[in-house]
Amino acid sequence: MKRKKSIAARLGVAAFALTLVTTCMTGGTLAKYASEVAGTGTTVAAKWVFKAGQTADSVSDSAYGTFTLAETKTTNVNVKDTVIAPGDSGTAKVFYDFTGTEVAATVTTYINITSAEKAKLPTNLEIKLDGTWTKVSAITVDTDIKVATKELSLSDMSDASKAKSSMDIEWRWNYDETSNTNKDTEDTANGKTPTTGTINVKVTAEQKAAAAS
């Protein structure tokens, strides 16, 4: 009997010892290396600068204003400087300045003629709109009509000659060269009751959409 108890006791001790070893091994797997490195992300917005005006020295970020055709015409020694007549033509300059801008952009020039001003402009006066000569009489009033658009890349913004440049608003009042009696009548009527007509100009700039690298 004593021998049996001794064996049982030994088995019990062995089982207990095995339990301790197993417990220790299991407990050892709970330990691990753990590290953390923290940082801060900083956001810097790209710079946007845009100005426009009637002269290179008068660019503004608020308004372009209006212009009188006679002030922009090509010299015609046969017509008084302050007025226009059949045969006259000219170009109104729209100056813009993107100096300092850090994104590619599109700049667009528009004209807007009110119904009151349209009645004062010569019937056969034409303005080049998006590459096409269009009579003022056919232009929709009180509506922004596109004259021209220019694209500037990001590299253009670093080129002073491109970031600060100009666009043209071309106009003309052609002679009647086809014996068009009706045109002569309209032109003469404009000359008998001369009026001063003005044209509103708007210049917009917009960042170009993102492109794949």
C-alpha atoms as a PDB file:
ATOM      1  CA  MET A   1       0.000   0.000   0.000  1.00  0.00           C
ATOM      2  CA  LYS A   2       2.764   2.407   0.899  1.00  0.00           C
ATOM      3  CA  ARG A   3       4.458   1.795  -2.447  1.00  0.00           C
ATOM      4  CA  LYS A   4       1.234   2.557  -4.349  1.00  0.00           C
ATOM      5  CA  LYS A   5       0.767   5.810  -2.446  1.00  0.00           C
ATOM      6  CA  SER A   6       4.315   6.802  -3.129  1.00  0.00           C
ATOM      7  CA  ILE A   7       3.880   6.260  -6.860  1.00  0.00           C
ATOM      8  CA  ALA A   8       0.616   8.183  -6.846  1.00  0.00           C
ATOM      9  CA  ALA A   9       2.235  10.993  -4.934  1.00  0.00           C
ATOM     10  CA  ARG A  10       5.082  11.124  -7.375  1.00  0.00           C
ATOM     11  CA  LEU A  11       2.686  11.267 -10.306  1.00  0.00           C
ATOM     12  CA  GLY A  12       0.818  14.054  -8.603  1.00  0.00           C
ATOM     13  CA  VAL A  13       3.991  16.050  -8.110  1.00  0.00           C
ATOM     14  CA  ALA A  14       4.981  15.463 -11.699  1.00  0.00           C
ATOM     15  CA  ALA A  15       1.592  16.650 -12.910  1.00  0.00           C
ATOM     16  CA  PHE A  16       1.851  19.745 -10.748  1.00  0.00           C
ATOM     17  CA  ALA A  17       5.306  20.477 -12.042  1.00  0.00           C
ATOM     18  CA  LEU A  18       4.158  20.026 -15.610  1.00  0.00           C
ATOM     19  CA  THR A  19       1.334  22.423 -14.943  1.00  0.00           C
ATOM     20  CA  LEU A  20       3.778  25.018 -13.657  1.00  0.00           C
ATOM     21  CA  VAL A  21       5.987  24.650 -16.700  1.00  0.00           C
ATOM     22  CA  THR A  22       3.045  24.888 -19.059  1.00  0.00           C
ATOM     23  CA  THR A  23       1.740  27.923 -17.227  1.00  0.00           C
ATOM     24  CA  CYS A  24       5.087  29.622 -17.416  1.00  0.00           C
ATOM     25  CA  MET A  25       5.399  28.909 -21.103  1.00  0.00           C
ATOM     26  CA  THR A  26       1.910  30.200 -21.763  1.00  0.00           C
ATOM     27  CA  GLY A  27       2.511  33.297 -19.696  1.00  0.00           C
ATOM     28  CA  GLY A  28       5.711  33.985 -21.606  1.00  0.00           C
ATOM     29  CA  THR A  29       3.834  34.465 -24.929  1.00  0.00           C
ATOM     30  CA  LEU A  30       2.000  37.493 -23.512  1.00  0.00           C
ATOM     31  CA  ALA A  31       5.173  39.599 -23.612  1.00  0.00           C
ATOM     32  CA  LYS A  32       5.928  41.479 -26.906  1.00  0.00           C
ATOM     33  CA  TYR A  33       7.835  44.415 -28.373  1.00  0.00           C
ATOM     34  CA  ALA A  34       5.618  47.448 -28.854  1.00  0.00           C
ATOM     35  CA  SER A  35       6.744  50.840 -30.194  1.00  0.00           C
ATOM     36  CA  GLU A  36       4.973  53.928 -31.502  1.00  0.00           C
ATOM     37  CA  VAL A  37       6.276  56.830 -33.564  1.00  0.00           C
ATOM     38  CA  ALA A  38       3.962  59.852 -33.841  1.00  0.00           C
ATOM     39  CA  GLY A  39       4.093  62.664 -36.398  1.00  0.00           C
ATOM     40  CA  THR A  40       2.175  65.706 -37.637  1.00  0.00           C
ATOM     41  CA  GLY A  41       0.983  66.355 -41.199  1.00  0.00           C
ATOM     42  CA  THR A  42       1.111  69.956 -42.422  1.00  0.00           C
ATOM     43  CA  THR A  43      -1.088  71.356 -45.187  1.00  0.00           C
ATOM     44  CA  VAL A  44       0.012  74.389 -47.176  1.00  0.00           C
ATOM     45  CA  ALA A  45      -2.469  75.800 -49.724  1.00  0.00           C
ATOM     46  CA  ALA A  46      -1.101  76.739 -53.140  1.00  0.00           C
ATOM     47  CA  LYS A  47      -1.011  80.480 -53.710  1.00  0.00           C
ATOM     48  CA  TRP A  48      -3.621  82.097 -55.993  1.00  0.00           C
ATOM     49  CA  VAL A  49      -3.104  85.603 -57.351  1.00  0.00           C
ATOM     50  CA  PHE A  50      -5.112  87.139 -60.196  1.00  0.00           C
ATOM     51  CA  LYS A  51      -5.569  90.712 -61.384  1.00  0.00           C
ATOM     52  CA  ALA A  52      -6.826  92.286 -64.609  1.00  0.00           C
ATOM     53  CA  GLY A  53      -7.202  95.746 -66.074  1.00  0.00           C
ATOM     54  CA  GLN A  54      -7.213  98.037 -69.103  1.00  0.00           C
ATOM     55  CA  THR A  55      -3.483  98.757 -68.835  1.00  0.00           C
ATOM     56  CA  ALA A  56      -0.531  96.812 -67.488  1.00  0.00           C
ATOM     57  CA  ASP A  57      -0.197  99.336 -64.670  1.00  0.00           C
ATOM     58  CA  SER A  58      -3.860  99.376 -63.667  1.00  0.00           C
ATOM     59  CA  VAL A  59      -4.526  95.678 -63.011  1.00  0.00           C
ATOM     60  CA  SER A  60      -6.853  95.040 -60.091  1.00  0.00           C
ATOM     61  CA  ASP A  61      -8.380  92.075 -58.294  1.00  0.00           C
ATOM     62  CA  SER A  62     -11.807  93.720 -58.197  1.00  0.00           C
ATOM     63  CA  ALA A  63     -12.930  95.335 -61.469  1.00  0.00           C
ATOM     64  CA  TYR A  64     -12.006  95.955 -65.110  1.00  0.00           C
ATOM     65  CA  GLY A  65     -14.770  98.394 -65.995  1.00  0.00           C
ATOM     66  CA  THR A  66     -15.887  99.665 -69.410  1.00  0.00           C
ATOM     67  CA  PHE A  67     -14.116 101.050 -72.465  1.00  0.00           C
ATOM     68  CA  THR A  68     -15.021 103.436 -75.255  1.00  0.00           C
ATOM     69  CA  LEU A  69     -14.290 102.152 -78.747  1.00  0.00           C
ATOM     70  CA  ALA A  70     -12.734 105.390 -79.984  1.00  0.00           C
ATOM     71  CA  GLU A  71     -10.048 105.128 -77.308  1.00  0.00           C
ATOM     72  CA  THR A  72      -8.906 101.773 -78.700  1.00  0.00           C
ATOM     73  CA  LYS A  73      -9.021 102.368 -82.455  1.00  0.00           C
ATOM     74  CA  THR A  74      -6.161 102.274 -84.911  1.00  0.00           C
ATOM     75  CA  THR A  75      -5.152 105.780 -85.967  1.00  0.00           C
ATOM     76  CA  ASN A  76      -7.207 107.073 -88.881  1.00  0.00           C
ATOM     77  CA  VAL A  77      -6.166 110.532 -90.047  1.00  0.00           C
ATOM     78  CA  ASN A  78      -9.452 110.898 -91.930  1.00  0.00           C
ATOM     79  CA  VAL A  79     -11.623 110.512 -88.816  1.00  0.00           C
ATOM     80  CA  LYS A  80     -11.564 112.559 -85.612  1.00  0.00           C
ATOM     81  CA  ASP A  81      -9.690 110.815 -82.797  1.00  0.00           C
ATOM     82  CA  THR A  82     -12.566 110.783 -80.305  1.00  0.00           C
ATOM     83  CA  VAL A  83     -15.133 109.093 -82.572  1.00  0.00           C
ATOM     84  CA  ILE A  84     -15.417 106.110 -84.921  1.00  0.00           C
ATOM     85  CA  ALA A  85     -16.724 105.839 -88.492  1.00  0.00           C
ATOM     86  CA  PRO A  86     -17.017 103.237 -91.254  1.00  0.00           C
ATOM     87  CA  GLY A  87     -13.517 102.014 -92.060  1.00  0.00           C
ATOM     88  CA  ASP A  88     -12.333 102.183 -88.448  1.00  0.00           C
ATOM     89  CA  SER A  89     -11.128  99.209 -86.433  1.00  0.00           C
ATOM     90  CA  GLY A  90      -9.271  98.678 -83.218  1.00  0.00           C
ATOM     91  CA  THR A  91      -8.263  96.471 -80.342  1.00  0.00           C
ATOM     92  CA  ALA A  92      -9.056  96.846 -76.670  1.00  0.00           C
ATOM     93  CA  LYS A  93      -6.398  95.240 -74.500  1.00  0.00           C
ATOM     94  CA  VAL A  94      -7.239  93.128 -71.471  1.00  0.00           C
ATOM     95  CA  PHE A  95      -4.180  92.867 -69.251  1.00  0.00           C
ATOM     96  CA  TYR A  96      -3.918  90.149 -66.622  1.00  0.00           C
ATOM     97  CA  ASP A  97      -1.381  89.266 -63.941  1.00  0.00           C
ATOM     98  CA  PHE A  98      -0.943  85.832 -62.319  1.00  0.00           C
ATOM     99  CA  THR A  99       2.431  86.648 -60.750  1.00  0.00           C
ATOM    100  CA  GLY A 100       2.945  84.415 -57.707  1.00  0.00           C
ATOM    101  CA  THR A 101       0.202  81.904 -58.569  1.00  0.00           C
ATOM    102  CA  GLU A 102       1.197  78.280 -57.898  1.00  0.00           C
ATOM    103  CA  VAL A 103      -1.413  76.406 -59.962  1.00  0.00           C
ATOM    104  CA  ALA A 104      -2.234  76.115 -63.662  1.00  0.00           C
ATOM    105  CA  ALA A 105      -5.182  78.275 -64.718  1.00  0.00           C
ATOM    106  CA  THR A 106      -7.555  79.347 -67.472  1.00  0.00           C
ATOM    107  CA  VAL A 107      -8.287  83.036 -68.079  1.00  0.00           C
ATOM    108  CA  THR A 108     -11.366  84.088 -70.098  1.00  0.00           C
ATOM    109  CA  THR A 109     -12.558  87.467 -71.342  1.00  0.00           C
ATOM    110  CA  TYR A 110     -16.257  88.268 -71.778  1.00  0.00           C
ATOM    111  CA  ILE A 111     -18.220  91.285 -72.977  1.00  0.00           C
ATOM    112  CA  ASN A 112     -21.669  92.298 -71.856  1.00  0.00           C
ATOM    113  CA  ILE A 113     -23.772  94.884 -73.680  1.00  0.00           C
ATOM    114  CA  THR A 114     -26.888  96.271 -72.059  1.00  0.00           C
ATOM    115  CA  SER A 115     -29.976  96.957 -74.150  1.00  0.00           C
ATOM    116  CA  ALA A 116     -29.553 100.705 -73.559  1.00  0.00           C
ATOM    117  CA  GLU A 117     -25.925 100.680 -74.770  1.00  0.00           C
ATOM    118  CA  LYS A 118     -26.659  98.406 -77.730  1.00  0.00           C
ATOM    119  CA  ALA A 119     -29.016 101.054 -79.106  1.00  0.00           C
ATOM    120  CA  LYS A 120     -26.137 103.556 -79.066  1.00  0.00           C
ATOM    121  CA  LEU A 121     -23.636 101.368 -80.935  1.00  0.00           C
ATOM    122  CA  PRO A 122     -23.350 101.413 -84.749  1.00  0.00           C
ATOM    123  CA  THR A 123     -25.634  98.850 -86.400  1.00  0.00           C
ATOM    124  CA  ASN A 124     -22.837  97.317 -88.461  1.00  0.00           C
ATOM    125  CA  LEU A 125     -20.163  97.355 -85.788  1.00  0.00           C
ATOM    126  CA  GLU A 126     -18.575  93.907 -85.381  1.00  0.00           C
ATOM    127  CA  ILE A 127     -16.651  92.286 -82.545  1.00  0.00           C
ATOM    128  CA  LYS A 128     -14.588  89.115 -82.816  1.00  0.00           C
ATOM    129  CA  LEU A 129     -16.162  86.613 -80.439  1.00  0.00           C
ATOM    130  CA  ASP A 130     -14.315  83.354 -79.895  1.00  0.00           C
ATOM    131  CA  GLY A 131     -12.661  83.744 -83.300  1.00  0.00           C
ATOM    132  CA  THR A 132     -15.781  84.754 -85.249  1.00  0.00           C
ATOM    133  CA  TRP A 133     -16.697  88.276 -86.348  1.00  0.00           C
ATOM    134  CA  THR A 134     -20.181  89.039 -85.007  1.00  0.00           C
ATOM    135  CA  LYS A 135     -22.341  92.106 -85.511  1.00  0.00           C
ATOM    136  CA  VAL A 136     -23.305  93.929 -82.359  1.00  0.00           C
ATOM    137  CA  SER A 137     -26.897  93.867 -83.597  1.00  0.00           C
ATOM    138  CA  ALA A 138     -26.815  90.057 -83.316  1.00  0.00           C
ATOM    139  CA  ILE A 139     -25.354  89.919 -79.805  1.00  0.00           C
ATOM    140  CA  THR A 140     -27.745  88.971 -77.000  1.00  0.00           C
ATOM    141  CA  VAL A 141     -28.045  91.821 -74.523  1.00  0.00           C
ATOM    142  CA  ASP A 142     -27.378  91.588 -70.784  1.00  0.00           C
ATOM    143  CA  THR A 143     -25.483  88.338 -71.283  1.00  0.00           C
ATOM    144  CA  ASP A 144     -21.810  87.496 -70.776  1.00  0.00           C
ATOM    145  CA  ILE A 145     -20.477  86.605 -74.236  1.00  0.00           C
ATOM    146  CA  LYS A 146     -17.071  84.912 -74.449  1.00  0.00           C
ATOM    147  CA  VAL A 147     -14.435  86.755 -76.431  1.00  0.00           C
ATOM    148  CA  ALA A 148     -11.414  84.527 -75.895  1.00  0.00           C
ATOM    149  CA  THR A 149      -9.820  82.004 -73.545  1.00  0.00           C
ATOM    150  CA  LYS A 150      -6.177  81.364 -72.749  1.00  0.00           C
ATOM    151  CA  GLU A 151      -4.659  78.383 -70.939  1.00  0.00           C
ATOM    152  CA  LEU A 152      -1.659  78.803 -68.655  1.00  0.00           C
ATOM    153  CA  SER A 153       0.324  75.809 -67.393  1.00  0.00           C
ATOM    154  CA  LEU A 154       2.082  75.656 -64.042  1.00  0.00           C
ATOM    155  CA  SER A 155       5.410  76.364 -65.758  1.00  0.00           C
ATOM    156  CA  ASP A 156       3.837  79.430 -67.416  1.00  0.00           C
ATOM    157  CA  MET A 157       3.256  80.873 -63.957  1.00  0.00           C
ATOM    158  CA  SER A 158       7.022  80.976 -63.456  1.00  0.00           C
ATOM    159  CA  ASP A 159       7.544  82.777 -66.767  1.00  0.00           C
ATOM    160  CA  ALA A 160       7.080  86.509 -66.269  1.00  0.00           C
ATOM    161  CA  SER A 161       6.212  87.067 -69.942  1.00  0.00           C
ATOM    162  CA  LYS A 162       3.331  84.571 -69.724  1.00  0.00           C
ATOM    163  CA  ALA A 163       2.084  85.039 -66.164  1.00  0.00           C
ATOM    164  CA  LYS A 164       1.738  88.759 -66.828  1.00  0.00           C
ATOM    165  CA  SER A 165       0.375  89.301 -70.338  1.00  0.00           C
ATOM    166  CA  SER A 166      -2.761  90.379 -72.228  1.00  0.00           C
ATOM    167  CA  MET A 167      -5.677  89.322 -74.414  1.00  0.00           C
ATOM    168  CA  ASP A 168      -7.382  91.245 -77.224  1.00  0.00           C
ATOM    169  CA  ILE A 169     -10.933  92.390 -77.874  1.00  0.00           C
ATOM    170  CA  GLU A 170     -10.972  93.172 -81.597  1.00  0.00           C
ATOM    171  CA  TRP A 171     -13.632  95.287 -83.276  1.00  0.00           C
ATOM    172  CA  ARG A 172     -14.262  96.767 -86.716  1.00  0.00           C
ATOM    173  CA  TRP A 173     -16.763  98.883 -88.639  1.00  0.00           C
ATOM    174  CA  ASN A 174     -16.213  97.960 -92.264  1.00  0.00           C
ATOM    175  CA  TYR A 175     -16.915 100.044 -95.306  1.00  0.00           C
ATOM    176  CA  ASP A 176     -19.657  98.881 -97.603  1.00  0.00           C
ATOM    177  CA  GLU A 177     -17.663  97.259-100.399  1.00  0.00           C
ATOM    178  CA  THR A 178     -20.538  95.424-102.095  1.00  0.00           C
ATOM    179  CA  SER A 179     -22.831  98.325-103.072  1.00  0.00           C
ATOM    180  CA  ASN A 180     -25.170  97.387-100.242  1.00  0.00           C
ATOM    181  CA  THR A 181     -27.570 100.321-100.213  1.00  0.00           C
ATOM    182  CA  ASN A 182     -29.214  99.124 -97.026  1.00  0.00           C
ATOM    183  CA  LYS A 183     -25.898  99.086 -95.178  1.00  0.00           C
ATOM    184  CA  ASP A 184     -25.088 102.575 -96.444  1.00  0.00           C
ATOM    185  CA  THR A 185     -28.455 103.745 -95.152  1.00  0.00           C
ATOM    186  CA  GLU A 186     -27.839 102.197 -91.730  1.00  0.00           C
ATOM    187  CA  ASP A 187     -24.341 103.648 -91.488  1.00  0.00           C
ATOM    188  CA  THR A 188     -25.546 107.081 -92.535  1.00  0.00           C
ATOM    189  CA  ALA A 189     -28.366 106.965 -89.975  1.00  0.00           C
ATOM    190  CA  ASN A 190     -25.819 106.208 -87.253  1.00  0.00           C
ATOM    191  CA  GLY A 191     -23.777 109.187 -88.407  1.00  0.00           C
ATOM    192  CA  LYS A 192     -26.733 111.588 -88.441  1.00  0.00           C
ATOM    193  CA  THR A 193     -27.576 110.877 -84.803  1.00  0.00           C
ATOM    194  CA  PRO A 194     -24.219 109.929 -83.259  1.00  0.00           C
ATOM    195  CA  THR A 195     -24.204 108.490 -79.757  1.00  0.00           C
ATOM    196  CA  THR A 196     -21.563 107.207 -77.384  1.00  0.00           C
ATOM    197  CA  GLY A 197     -21.814 103.497 -76.717  1.00  0.00           C
ATOM    198  CA  THR A 198     -19.852 101.592 -74.100  1.00  0.00           C
ATOM    199  CA  ILE A 199     -19.148  97.897 -73.676  1.00  0.00           C
ATOM    200  CA  ASN A 200     -18.727  96.129 -70.349  1.00  0.00           C
ATOM    201  CA  VAL A 201     -15.843  93.724 -69.947  1.00  0.00           C
ATOM    202  CA  LYS A 202     -15.439  90.861 -67.490  1.00  0.00           C
ATOM    203  CA  VAL A 203     -12.317  88.780 -67.008  1.00  0.00           C
ATOM    204  CA  THR A 204     -12.419  85.501 -65.094  1.00  0.00           C
ATOM    205  CA  ALA A 205      -9.691  83.121 -63.987  1.00  0.00           C
ATOM    206  CA  GLU A 206     -10.145  79.530 -62.862  1.00  0.00           C
ATOM    207  CA  GLN A 207      -7.782  76.849 -61.628  1.00  0.00           C
ATOM    208  CA  LYS A 208      -7.415  74.039 -64.155  1.00  0.00           C
ATOM    209  CA  ALA A 209      -8.795  70.630 -63.165  1.00  0.00           C
ATOM    210  CA  ALA A 210      -6.427  68.039 -61.736  1.00  0.00           C
ATOM    211  CA  ALA A 211      -4.541  65.997 -64.309  1.00  0.00           C
ATOM    212  CA  ALA A 212      -2.934  62.564 -63.989  1.00  0.00           C
ATOM    213  CA  SER A 213       0.814  62.670 -63.458  1.00  0.00           C
END
